[in-house]
Amino acid sequence: MKIDTKTLYTNYQIDKITHQNLKGDDKKLKDQTNAFEALILKFFLDTSLKLDDPLYPKQAGTEIYQSMYKDVLSKELSGSFGYSELLFNFLKEQQVGK
């Protein structure tokens, strides 16, 4: 299985540029939707990345380091998968409709 990292990186760069151009409440809303997407991604990473290696015994603190790694990874990837933008656009429509 080959992962297309070029598309992911391009989406990441576009999101960073878009986020820099937002102002005021829109920037705060985008930060919150990115944080929500990071939470979803952390759940996905916790489920999919079972980093247990049966050849080596567990070291003290391994679970803490793995959790920290997944947390940072989810925060860095948030904003580029589409959940954040979908939620941001939905909330903006709800705000305009009121």
N, C-alpha and C. Protein backbone atom coordinates (compact mmCIF):
# COMPACT_ATOMS: atom_id res chain seq x y z
N MET A 1 0.84 -1.18 0.00
CA MET A 1 0.00 0.00 0.00
C MET A 1 0.89 1.24 0.00
N LYS A 2 0.65 2.12 -0.95
CA LYS A 2 1.44 3.34 -1.05
C LYS A 2 0.59 4.52 -0.59
N ILE A 3 1.16 5.35 0.25
CA ILE A 3 0.46 6.51 0.77
C ILE A 3 0.91 7.74 -0.01
N ASP A 4 -0.04 8.52 -0.48
CA ASP A 4 0.27 9.72 -1.26
C ASP A 4 0.54 10.88 -0.30
N THR A 5 1.77 11.04 0.09
CA THR A 5 2.13 12.09 1.05
C THR A 5 2.17 13.46 0.40
N LYS A 6 2.34 13.51 -0.91
CA LYS A 6 2.39 14.80 -1.60
C LYS A 6 1.05 15.53 -1.48
N THR A 7 -0.05 14.81 -1.68
CA THR A 7 -1.38 15.41 -1.55
C THR A 7 -1.63 15.86 -0.12
N LEU A 8 -1.26 15.04 0.83
CA LEU A 8 -1.44 15.37 2.24
C LEU A 8 -0.65 16.62 2.60
N TYR A 9 0.60 16.69 2.13
CA TYR A 9 1.44 17.86 2.42
C TYR A 9 0.87 19.12 1.76
N THR A 10 0.37 18.98 0.54
CA THR A 10 -0.23 20.12 -0.17
C THR A 10 -1.44 20.64 0.60
N ASN A 11 -2.31 19.74 1.04
CA ASN A 11 -3.48 20.14 1.83
C ASN A 11 -3.07 20.81 3.13
N TYR A 12 -2.01 20.30 3.74
CA TYR A 12 -1.49 20.87 4.98
C TYR A 12 -1.03 22.31 4.75
N GLN A 13 -0.30 22.55 3.67
CA GLN A 13 0.20 23.88 3.36
C GLN A 13 -0.94 24.85 3.04
N ILE A 14 -1.94 24.38 2.29
CA ILE A 14 -3.09 25.22 1.95
C ILE A 14 -3.83 25.62 3.21
N ASP A 15 -4.01 24.67 4.13
CA ASP A 15 -4.71 24.98 5.37
C ASP A 15 -3.95 26.00 6.21
N LYS A 16 -2.63 25.89 6.26
CA LYS A 16 -1.83 26.84 7.03
C LYS A 16 -1.95 28.24 6.45
N ILE A 17 -1.94 28.37 5.13
CA ILE A 17 -2.07 29.68 4.48
C ILE A 17 -3.46 30.25 4.73
N THR A 18 -4.48 29.40 4.58
CA THR A 18 -5.86 29.84 4.80
C THR A 18 -6.05 30.30 6.25
N HIS A 19 -5.48 29.56 7.18
CA HIS A 19 -5.62 29.89 8.61
C HIS A 19 -4.97 31.24 8.92
N GLN A 20 -3.86 31.55 8.26
CA GLN A 20 -3.17 32.82 8.49
C GLN A 20 -3.99 34.00 7.98
N ASN A 21 -4.83 33.78 6.97
CA ASN A 21 -5.62 34.86 6.38
C ASN A 21 -6.92 35.14 7.13
N LEU A 22 -7.29 34.28 8.07
CA LEU A 22 -8.52 34.49 8.84
C LEU A 22 -8.30 35.57 9.88
N LYS A 23 -9.40 36.21 10.27
CA LYS A 23 -9.31 37.28 11.26
C LYS A 23 -10.33 37.06 12.38
N GLY A 24 -9.99 37.50 13.57
CA GLY A 24 -10.90 37.56 14.71
C GLY A 24 -11.59 36.27 15.06
N ASP A 25 -12.93 36.32 15.05
CA ASP A 25 -13.75 35.18 15.46
C ASP A 25 -13.58 33.99 14.52
N ASP A 26 -13.36 34.26 13.24
CA ASP A 26 -13.15 33.16 12.30
C ASP A 26 -11.90 32.37 12.64
N LYS A 27 -10.85 33.07 13.06
CA LYS A 27 -9.61 32.40 13.44
C LYS A 27 -9.82 31.55 14.69
N LYS A 28 -10.57 32.08 15.65
CA LYS A 28 -10.86 31.32 16.88
C LYS A 28 -11.70 30.09 16.56
N LEU A 29 -12.69 30.26 15.68
CA LEU A 29 -13.54 29.13 15.29
C LEU A 29 -12.71 28.07 14.57
N LYS A 30 -11.82 28.48 13.69
CA LYS A 30 -10.97 27.54 12.96
C LYS A 30 -10.04 26.81 13.92
N ASP A 31 -9.52 27.50 14.93
CA ASP A 31 -8.69 26.85 15.94
C ASP A 31 -9.47 25.76 16.67
N GLN A 32 -10.72 26.06 16.99
CA GLN A 32 -11.55 25.08 17.70
C GLN A 32 -11.92 23.89 16.82
N THR A 33 -12.22 24.16 15.55
CA THR A 33 -12.55 23.04 14.66
C THR A 33 -11.30 22.19 14.39
N ASN A 34 -10.13 22.82 14.33
CA ASN A 34 -8.89 22.06 14.20
C ASN A 34 -8.63 21.21 15.44
N ALA A 35 -8.94 21.76 16.61
CA ALA A 35 -8.76 21.00 17.86
C ALA A 35 -9.71 19.81 17.90
N PHE A 36 -10.94 20.00 17.39
CA PHE A 36 -11.89 18.88 17.34
C PHE A 36 -11.40 17.81 16.38
N GLU A 37 -10.86 18.24 15.22
CA GLU A 37 -10.33 17.27 14.27
C GLU A 37 -9.13 16.54 14.87
N ALA A 38 -8.31 17.23 15.64
CA ALA A 38 -7.17 16.59 16.31
C ALA A 38 -7.65 15.52 17.27
N LEU A 39 -8.75 15.78 17.95
CA LEU A 39 -9.32 14.80 18.87
C LEU A 39 -9.78 13.54 18.12
N ILE A 40 -10.43 13.74 16.97
CA ILE A 40 -10.86 12.61 16.16
C ILE A 40 -9.64 11.83 15.65
N LEU A 41 -8.64 12.55 15.17
CA LEU A 41 -7.44 11.89 14.66
C LEU A 41 -6.70 11.13 15.77
N LYS A 42 -6.68 11.68 16.97
CA LYS A 42 -6.04 10.99 18.10
C LYS A 42 -6.76 9.67 18.38
N PHE A 43 -8.09 9.69 18.29
CA PHE A 43 -8.84 8.45 18.47
C PHE A 43 -8.48 7.44 17.39
N PHE A 44 -8.41 7.90 16.13
CA PHE A 44 -8.04 7.01 15.03
C PHE A 44 -6.63 6.45 15.22
N LEU A 45 -5.70 7.31 15.63
CA LEU A 45 -4.33 6.86 15.83
C LEU A 45 -4.22 5.88 16.99
N ASP A 46 -4.95 6.13 18.06
CA ASP A 46 -4.94 5.20 19.20
C ASP A 46 -5.44 3.83 18.78
N THR A 47 -6.46 3.83 17.91
CA THR A 47 -7.05 2.57 17.47
C THR A 47 -6.15 1.85 16.48
N SER A 48 -5.57 2.60 15.55
CA SER A 48 -4.84 1.96 14.46
C SER A 48 -3.36 1.70 14.75
N LEU A 49 -2.73 2.53 15.57
CA LEU A 49 -1.31 2.36 15.85
C LEU A 49 -1.09 1.64 17.18
N LYS A 50 -1.28 0.39 17.15
CA LYS A 50 -0.95 -0.41 18.32
C LYS A 50 0.53 -0.72 18.24
N LEU A 51 1.32 0.00 19.00
CA LEU A 51 2.77 -0.08 18.88
C LEU A 51 3.39 -1.13 19.81
N ASP A 52 2.65 -2.18 20.10
CA ASP A 52 3.18 -3.24 20.93
C ASP A 52 4.10 -4.13 20.10
N ASP A 53 5.27 -4.39 20.61
CA ASP A 53 6.22 -5.26 19.92
C ASP A 53 6.43 -6.49 20.79
N PRO A 54 6.00 -7.64 20.32
CA PRO A 54 6.13 -8.84 21.16
C PRO A 54 7.57 -9.30 21.36
N LEU A 55 8.50 -8.80 20.56
CA LEU A 55 9.90 -9.23 20.69
C LEU A 55 10.62 -8.55 21.85
N TYR A 56 10.14 -7.39 22.23
CA TYR A 56 10.80 -6.65 23.30
C TYR A 56 9.84 -6.44 24.46
N PRO A 57 10.33 -6.57 25.67
CA PRO A 57 9.45 -6.31 26.82
C PRO A 57 9.12 -4.82 26.92
N LYS A 58 8.01 -4.53 27.56
CA LYS A 58 7.62 -3.12 27.73
C LYS A 58 8.59 -2.42 28.67
N GLN A 59 8.97 -1.23 28.25
CA GLN A 59 9.83 -0.38 29.07
C GLN A 59 8.96 0.52 29.94
N ALA A 60 9.52 0.98 31.04
CA ALA A 60 8.79 1.91 31.90
C ALA A 60 8.55 3.21 31.13
N GLY A 61 7.33 3.67 31.10
CA GLY A 61 7.01 4.93 30.44
C GLY A 61 6.73 4.82 28.95
N THR A 62 6.75 3.63 28.41
CA THR A 62 6.53 3.46 26.97
C THR A 62 5.16 3.97 26.56
N GLU A 63 4.15 3.65 27.34
CA GLU A 63 2.79 4.09 27.01
C GLU A 63 2.68 5.61 27.03
N ILE A 64 3.39 6.25 27.93
CA ILE A 64 3.35 7.71 28.02
C ILE A 64 3.97 8.32 26.77
N TYR A 65 5.13 7.81 26.37
CA TYR A 65 5.79 8.34 25.18
C TYR A 65 4.96 8.10 23.92
N GLN A 66 4.36 6.92 23.82
CA GLN A 66 3.53 6.62 22.65
C GLN A 66 2.31 7.54 22.62
N SER A 67 1.71 7.79 23.76
CA SER A 67 0.56 8.69 23.82
C SER A 67 0.95 10.11 23.45
N MET A 68 2.10 10.55 23.94
CA MET A 68 2.58 11.89 23.60
C MET A 68 2.86 12.00 22.10
N TYR A 69 3.45 10.96 21.52
CA TYR A 69 3.74 10.94 20.09
C TYR A 69 2.45 11.04 19.28
N LYS A 70 1.46 10.26 19.64
CA LYS A 70 0.18 10.27 18.92
C LYS A 70 -0.53 11.61 19.09
N ASP A 71 -0.41 12.21 20.26
CA ASP A 71 -1.03 13.51 20.51
C ASP A 71 -0.43 14.59 19.63
N VAL A 72 0.89 14.65 19.56
CA VAL A 72 1.57 15.64 18.73
C VAL A 72 1.27 15.39 17.26
N LEU A 73 1.28 14.14 16.86
CA LEU A 73 0.99 13.80 15.47
C LEU A 73 -0.42 14.21 15.08
N SER A 74 -1.38 13.98 15.95
CA SER A 74 -2.77 14.36 15.64
C SER A 74 -2.93 15.87 15.56
N LYS A 75 -2.23 16.61 16.42
CA LYS A 75 -2.32 18.08 16.37
C LYS A 75 -1.68 18.63 15.10
N GLU A 76 -0.58 18.04 14.67
CA GLU A 76 0.08 18.51 13.46
C GLU A 76 -0.73 18.17 12.21
N LEU A 77 -1.42 17.06 12.22
CA LEU A 77 -2.21 16.65 11.05
C LEU A 77 -3.58 17.30 11.00
N SER A 78 -4.04 17.85 12.12
CA SER A 78 -5.39 18.43 12.14
C SER A 78 -5.47 19.62 11.20
N GLY A 79 -6.62 19.74 10.57
CA GLY A 79 -6.84 20.82 9.62
C GLY A 79 -6.62 20.42 8.19
N SER A 80 -6.03 19.25 7.97
CA SER A 80 -5.73 18.85 6.59
C SER A 80 -6.51 17.63 6.12
N PHE A 81 -7.36 17.08 6.96
CA PHE A 81 -8.13 15.91 6.57
C PHE A 81 -9.53 16.25 6.07
N GLY A 82 -10.01 17.43 6.35
CA GLY A 82 -11.31 17.85 5.84
C GLY A 82 -12.40 17.94 6.88
N TYR A 83 -12.27 17.25 8.01
CA TYR A 83 -13.29 17.32 9.05
C TYR A 83 -13.40 18.74 9.60
N SER A 84 -12.27 19.35 9.81
CA SER A 84 -12.23 20.69 10.36
C SER A 84 -12.89 21.70 9.43
N GLU A 85 -12.56 21.62 8.16
CA GLU A 85 -13.14 22.55 7.19
C GLU A 85 -14.64 22.34 7.05
N LEU A 86 -15.06 21.08 7.03
CA LEU A 86 -16.49 20.76 6.94
C LEU A 86 -17.24 21.35 8.12
N LEU A 87 -16.72 21.14 9.32
CA LEU A 87 -17.36 21.67 10.53
C LEU A 87 -17.31 23.19 10.55
N PHE A 88 -16.19 23.80 10.14
CA PHE A 88 -16.05 25.25 10.09
C PHE A 88 -17.11 25.85 9.16
N ASN A 89 -17.23 25.30 7.95
CA ASN A 89 -18.22 25.81 6.99
C ASN A 89 -19.64 25.65 7.50
N PHE A 90 -19.93 24.51 8.13
CA PHE A 90 -21.27 24.29 8.68
C PHE A 90 -21.59 25.31 9.77
N LEU A 91 -20.65 25.53 10.66
CA LEU A 91 -20.88 26.49 11.76
C LEU A 91 -20.99 27.93 11.24
N LYS A 92 -20.24 28.27 10.21
CA LYS A 92 -20.34 29.60 9.61
C LYS A 92 -21.72 29.79 8.98
N GLU A 93 -22.25 28.76 8.31
CA GLU A 93 -23.59 28.84 7.72
C GLU A 93 -24.65 29.01 8.81
N GLN A 94 -24.47 28.30 9.92
CA GLN A 94 -25.42 28.42 11.03
C GLN A 94 -25.36 29.83 11.63
N GLN A 95 -24.17 30.41 11.69
CA GLN A 95 -24.01 31.75 12.25
C GLN A 95 -24.64 32.79 11.34
N VAL A 96 -24.49 32.64 10.03
CA VAL A 96 -25.05 33.60 9.08
C VAL A 96 -26.57 33.48 9.05
N GLY A 97 -27.08 32.28 9.23
CA GLY A 97 -28.52 32.05 9.19
C GLY A 97 -29.26 32.67 10.35
N LYS A 98 -28.58 33.02 11.43
CA LYS A 98 -29.26 33.57 12.61
C LYS A 98 -29.45 35.06 12.49
